[in-house]
Amino acid sequence: MINNKSVKYPELKGQLVVFISVAVVAFIIAFSSIQVSHSTLYYHMLVNVGPQIDPITQGDYPVIIGNVTDQAYRPVADATVLILFGSEAVTTTTDNHGDFRYPSAIPATPGTYAIDVTVSKTGYVKALASSTYTVNPYPAVKTTPANVTAALSNTITGLPIYTGNYTVYLGKVTQWNLETTCFVDFSTKYMRFLKTCDLYNLAHADFQTDQQVIPMVTVIQYNDTYRLFPEDVYMSAYYLGNDTLNNFIMGTWQNYTAPN
């Protein structure tokens, strides 16, 4: 028997073949354009951070410690750790035990401070952690070796210490240009000192970029003359009683090394 529809509508059969062919080609093209996934398996990190000692006393130096492990609690070595605390932003790395540690070089002032860390390493998801630490003000009295309490007449926050005709300041070095001119900010003053910072291992090249740590120095004023000394002179003066403070500052002033 002859299929009358095929005979009567031969053009329909041809169109159907073309349609199916186009559909198959489109299907192949569509699936061939799908990119093969090259996804990488990323592991997660667990981060612990905090102060080594909490609380600390003003004038002490905070130390930030922490540890990084994977989800199986195995240490993650050589991870990059960005630490933000106080006025500092520093970067360090974890050791073979996954530990990191950063001792600050800036004396602490009273208050409660946040610690924020960001840990990153290739093959791991970036991890965050935070903590806090407290800095207590120095007590109003101190105990001498003879167990006798004495009132403190100054603070280690950088306030001036007065003794005889001398005034002792704690200052921060804000600039040192190529002419070896050292600029120091202390109390309400901002002064220039010639060729002095090099006495305390400060290089002017360190001031050409942003610093992670601000160098501190002691400024002693005698009448209208100002001189720079190492930072520990102010710290030592703070702990001395009034009976020995004047002799200490007088001797320090007289033993001053003038720059060349």
Protein backbone atom coordinates (compact mmCIF):
# COMPACT_ATOMS: atom_id res chain seq x y z
CA MET A 1 0.00 0.00 0.00
CA ILE A 2 1.31 3.44 -0.89
CA ASN A 3 1.49 6.06 1.86
CA ASN A 4 -0.59 8.78 0.39
CA LYS A 5 0.68 11.37 2.88
CA SER A 6 4.28 10.80 1.82
CA VAL A 7 3.34 11.01 -1.77
CA LYS A 8 1.07 13.93 -1.29
CA TYR A 9 3.37 15.93 0.99
CA PRO A 10 6.95 15.00 0.11
CA GLU A 11 8.12 18.48 1.20
CA LEU A 12 6.99 17.81 4.83
CA LYS A 13 9.32 14.86 5.11
CA GLY A 14 12.26 16.94 3.96
CA GLN A 15 11.45 19.76 6.37
CA LEU A 16 11.16 17.32 9.26
CA VAL A 17 14.60 15.89 8.50
CA VAL A 18 16.10 19.38 8.35
CA PHE A 19 14.43 20.35 11.64
CA ILE A 20 15.72 17.27 13.44
CA SER A 21 19.22 17.82 12.04
CA VAL A 22 19.25 21.47 13.18
CA ALA A 23 18.01 20.45 16.63
CA VAL A 24 20.75 17.81 16.99
CA VAL A 25 23.44 20.27 15.88
CA ALA A 26 22.16 22.92 18.33
CA PHE A 27 22.13 20.34 21.12
CA ILE A 28 25.71 19.32 20.39
CA ILE A 29 26.89 22.95 20.20
CA ALA A 30 25.11 23.85 23.42
CA PHE A 31 26.67 21.03 25.40
CA SER A 32 30.09 21.48 23.80
CA SER A 33 30.12 25.12 25.07
CA ILE A 34 29.81 24.02 28.69
CA GLN A 35 33.22 24.50 30.29
CA VAL A 36 34.70 21.68 32.26
CA SER A 37 34.86 22.57 35.93
CA HIS A 38 38.36 23.12 37.27
CA SER A 39 37.20 23.78 40.85
CA THR A 40 39.79 23.54 43.65
CA LEU A 41 39.06 22.11 47.04
CA TYR A 42 39.68 24.74 49.69
CA TYR A 43 40.27 23.86 53.33
CA HIS A 44 39.14 25.88 56.32
CA MET A 45 41.37 27.29 59.04
CA LEU A 46 40.68 27.72 62.75
CA VAL A 47 42.31 30.77 64.36
CA ASN A 48 42.88 31.64 68.00
CA VAL A 49 44.32 35.01 69.01
CA GLY A 50 44.74 36.98 72.20
CA PRO A 51 47.17 38.88 74.41
CA GLN A 52 49.99 36.96 76.05
CA ILE A 53 49.21 38.78 79.31
CA ASP A 54 45.90 40.41 80.17
CA PRO A 55 45.55 42.88 81.71
CA ILE A 56 48.84 44.75 81.46
CA THR A 57 49.92 48.01 83.08
CA GLN A 58 50.42 51.25 81.20
CA GLY A 59 53.96 51.58 79.94
CA ASP A 60 54.19 47.83 79.35
CA TYR A 61 54.42 46.44 75.84
CA PRO A 62 51.52 44.25 74.66
CA VAL A 63 52.39 40.92 73.07
CA ILE A 64 49.88 39.33 70.68
CA ILE A 65 49.96 35.55 70.28
CA GLY A 66 47.84 33.07 68.35
CA ASN A 67 47.57 29.72 66.64
CA VAL A 68 46.26 28.50 63.28
CA THR A 69 45.09 24.93 62.56
CA ASP A 70 43.04 23.20 59.91
CA GLN A 71 39.70 21.49 60.55
CA ALA A 72 41.53 18.37 61.71
CA TYR A 73 43.41 20.53 64.26
CA ARG A 74 46.69 20.10 62.43
CA PRO A 75 48.98 23.16 62.49
CA VAL A 76 49.01 25.40 59.42
CA ALA A 77 52.55 26.64 58.83
CA ASP A 78 53.65 29.65 56.73
CA ALA A 79 50.23 31.29 56.80
CA THR A 80 50.18 35.08 56.49
CA VAL A 81 48.71 36.80 59.53
CA LEU A 82 47.61 40.45 59.47
CA ILE A 83 47.22 41.81 63.02
CA LEU A 84 45.39 45.05 63.83
CA PHE A 85 45.52 46.30 67.42
CA GLY A 86 45.83 49.67 69.11
CA SER A 87 47.45 51.96 66.54
CA GLU A 88 49.43 49.16 64.88
CA ALA A 89 48.91 47.12 61.73
CA VAL A 90 51.54 44.42 61.29
CA THR A 91 52.05 41.26 59.25
CA THR A 92 53.72 38.06 60.40
CA THR A 93 53.66 34.35 59.55
CA THR A 94 52.93 31.13 61.42
CA ASP A 95 55.76 28.77 62.36
CA ASN A 96 55.86 24.99 61.91
CA HIS A 97 53.54 24.59 64.88
CA GLY A 98 50.99 27.04 63.44
CA ASP A 99 51.86 29.62 66.10
CA PHE A 100 52.44 33.34 65.62
CA ARG A 101 53.63 36.04 68.01
CA TYR A 102 54.11 39.80 67.75
CA PRO A 103 55.62 41.93 70.55
CA SER A 104 54.70 45.61 70.27
CA ALA A 105 57.41 48.26 70.57
CA ILE A 106 54.96 50.99 71.61
CA PRO A 107 54.30 51.53 75.33
CA ALA A 108 50.65 50.86 76.18
CA THR A 109 48.29 53.54 77.45
CA PRO A 110 45.20 52.85 79.60
CA GLY A 111 42.10 51.50 77.87
CA THR A 112 40.55 48.42 76.32
CA TYR A 113 41.78 47.54 72.86
CA ALA A 114 40.48 45.24 70.11
CA ILE A 115 42.67 42.68 68.35
CA ASP A 116 41.61 41.72 64.82
CA VAL A 117 43.50 39.20 62.71
CA THR A 118 43.10 37.99 59.15
CA VAL A 119 44.84 34.75 58.16
CA SER A 120 45.39 33.73 54.55
CA LYS A 121 47.20 30.93 52.72
CA THR A 122 46.91 29.37 49.29
CA GLY A 123 44.54 26.44 49.33
CA TYR A 124 42.64 27.68 52.38
CA VAL A 125 39.64 29.89 52.94
CA LYS A 126 40.62 33.21 54.51
CA ALA A 127 39.96 33.13 58.26
CA LEU A 128 39.20 35.89 60.78
CA ALA A 129 39.47 36.09 64.55
CA SER A 130 39.30 38.78 67.21
CA SER A 131 39.97 39.38 70.88
CA THR A 132 40.60 42.22 73.33
CA TYR A 133 43.09 43.24 75.97
CA THR A 134 43.05 45.79 78.77
CA VAL A 135 45.70 48.25 79.87
CA ASN A 136 45.32 49.39 83.46
CA PRO A 137 46.60 52.79 84.61
CA TYR A 138 49.63 52.76 86.81
CA PRO A 139 48.60 52.59 90.49
CA ALA A 140 48.56 55.78 92.53
CA VAL A 141 51.16 54.31 94.89
CA LYS A 142 54.18 52.08 94.45
CA THR A 143 56.03 49.82 96.85
CA THR A 144 59.72 50.38 97.48
CA PRO A 145 62.15 47.54 98.26
CA ALA A 146 61.66 48.37 101.93
CA ASN A 147 57.91 47.73 101.47
CA VAL A 148 57.15 51.39 102.04
CA THR A 149 54.48 52.89 99.79
CA ALA A 150 55.10 56.25 98.18
CA ALA A 151 52.77 58.41 96.10
CA LEU A 152 53.61 58.71 92.43
CA SER A 153 54.09 62.25 91.19
CA ASN A 154 54.11 61.46 87.47
CA THR A 155 52.65 59.02 84.97
CA ILE A 156 54.18 57.01 82.18
CA THR A 157 51.70 58.32 79.62
CA GLY A 158 54.26 60.86 78.45
CA LEU A 159 53.34 63.72 80.77
CA PRO A 160 56.31 65.94 81.71
CA ILE A 161 58.41 65.00 84.73
CA TYR A 162 59.69 68.01 86.68
CA THR A 163 62.80 67.98 88.84
CA GLY A 164 64.83 71.06 89.81
CA ASN A 165 65.45 73.14 86.69
CA TYR A 166 64.93 70.10 84.42
CA THR A 167 61.81 68.92 82.59
CA VAL A 168 61.76 65.41 81.10
CA TYR A 169 59.44 64.58 78.18
CA LEU A 170 58.63 61.43 76.23
CA GLY A 171 58.56 62.29 72.53
CA LYS A 172 57.95 60.52 69.24
CA VAL A 173 60.07 60.95 66.14
CA THR A 174 57.78 62.06 63.33
CA GLN A 175 60.27 62.87 60.58
CA TRP A 176 63.94 62.75 59.73
CA ASN A 177 64.87 64.28 56.41
CA LEU A 178 67.96 63.84 54.29
CA GLU A 179 69.67 66.79 55.97
CA THR A 180 69.68 64.70 59.18
CA THR A 181 67.15 67.03 60.75
CA CYS A 182 65.13 65.11 63.32
CA PHE A 183 61.60 66.32 64.14
CA VAL A 184 60.17 65.28 67.51
CA ASP A 185 56.62 65.70 68.80
CA PHE A 186 56.36 65.90 72.60
CA SER A 187 53.91 67.43 75.07
CA THR A 188 52.54 70.49 73.25
CA LYS A 189 55.77 71.08 71.32
CA TYR A 190 57.05 70.10 67.89
CA MET A 191 60.76 70.77 67.58
CA ARG A 192 63.69 70.14 65.26
CA PHE A 193 66.94 68.55 66.44
CA LEU A 194 70.02 68.47 64.23
CA LYS A 195 71.94 65.20 63.69
CA THR A 196 70.68 63.66 66.92
CA CYS A 197 68.52 60.70 65.92
CA ASP A 198 71.51 58.82 64.53
CA LEU A 199 72.82 58.55 68.09
CA TYR A 200 69.96 56.15 68.83
CA ASN A 201 70.21 53.88 65.78
CA LEU A 202 67.50 55.67 63.83
CA ALA A 203 68.10 55.90 60.08
CA HIS A 204 66.52 58.62 57.98
CA ALA A 205 65.73 56.03 55.29
CA ASP A 206 63.24 54.45 57.70
CA PHE A 207 61.14 57.60 57.52
CA GLN A 208 60.70 57.61 53.76
CA THR A 209 57.81 55.12 54.03
CA ASP A 210 55.01 54.55 56.52
CA GLN A 211 56.30 53.07 59.75
CA GLN A 212 54.76 50.20 61.66
CA VAL A 213 56.37 51.40 64.88
CA ILE A 214 56.91 55.02 65.90
CA PRO A 215 60.38 55.53 67.45
CA MET A 216 60.31 57.17 70.88
CA VAL A 217 62.99 59.33 72.49
CA THR A 218 63.47 61.26 75.71
CA VAL A 219 63.60 65.04 75.56
CA ILE A 220 65.18 66.89 78.48
CA GLN A 221 64.75 70.64 78.84
CA TYR A 222 67.20 72.64 80.96
CA ASN A 223 66.25 76.32 81.05
CA ASP A 224 65.80 77.11 77.32
CA THR A 225 67.93 74.25 75.98
CA TYR A 226 66.50 70.93 74.73
CA ARG A 227 68.45 67.69 74.20
CA LEU A 228 67.52 64.22 72.99
CA PHE A 229 68.28 61.01 74.87
CA PRO A 230 67.24 57.35 74.50
CA GLU A 231 63.66 56.42 75.39
CA ASP A 232 64.68 54.45 78.49
CA VAL A 233 65.87 57.64 80.20
CA TYR A 234 62.25 58.78 80.58
CA MET A 235 61.19 55.29 81.71
CA SER A 236 63.96 55.18 84.33
CA ALA A 237 63.13 58.69 85.54
CA TYR A 238 59.51 57.70 86.04
CA TYR A 239 60.36 55.01 88.57
CA LEU A 240 62.76 57.12 90.63
CA GLY A 241 61.78 58.86 93.83
CA ASN A 242 62.16 62.61 94.18
CA ASP A 243 65.34 62.19 96.23
CA THR A 244 67.26 60.44 93.44
CA LEU A 245 65.45 61.79 90.37
CA ASN A 246 67.24 65.14 90.28
CA ASN A 247 70.72 63.56 90.53
CA PHE A 248 69.85 61.06 87.80
CA ILE A 249 68.62 63.71 85.36
CA MET A 250 71.50 66.06 86.18
CA GLY A 251 74.02 63.29 85.53
CA THR A 252 72.26 62.30 82.30
CA TRP A 253 72.33 65.89 81.09
CA GLN A 254 76.03 66.33 81.90
CA ASN A 255 76.96 63.07 80.12
CA TYR A 256 75.20 64.10 76.93
CA THR A 257 76.96 63.11 73.70
CA ALA A 258 76.83 65.96 71.22
CA PRO A 259 76.36 64.98 67.52
CA ASN A 260 79.19 65.68 65.10
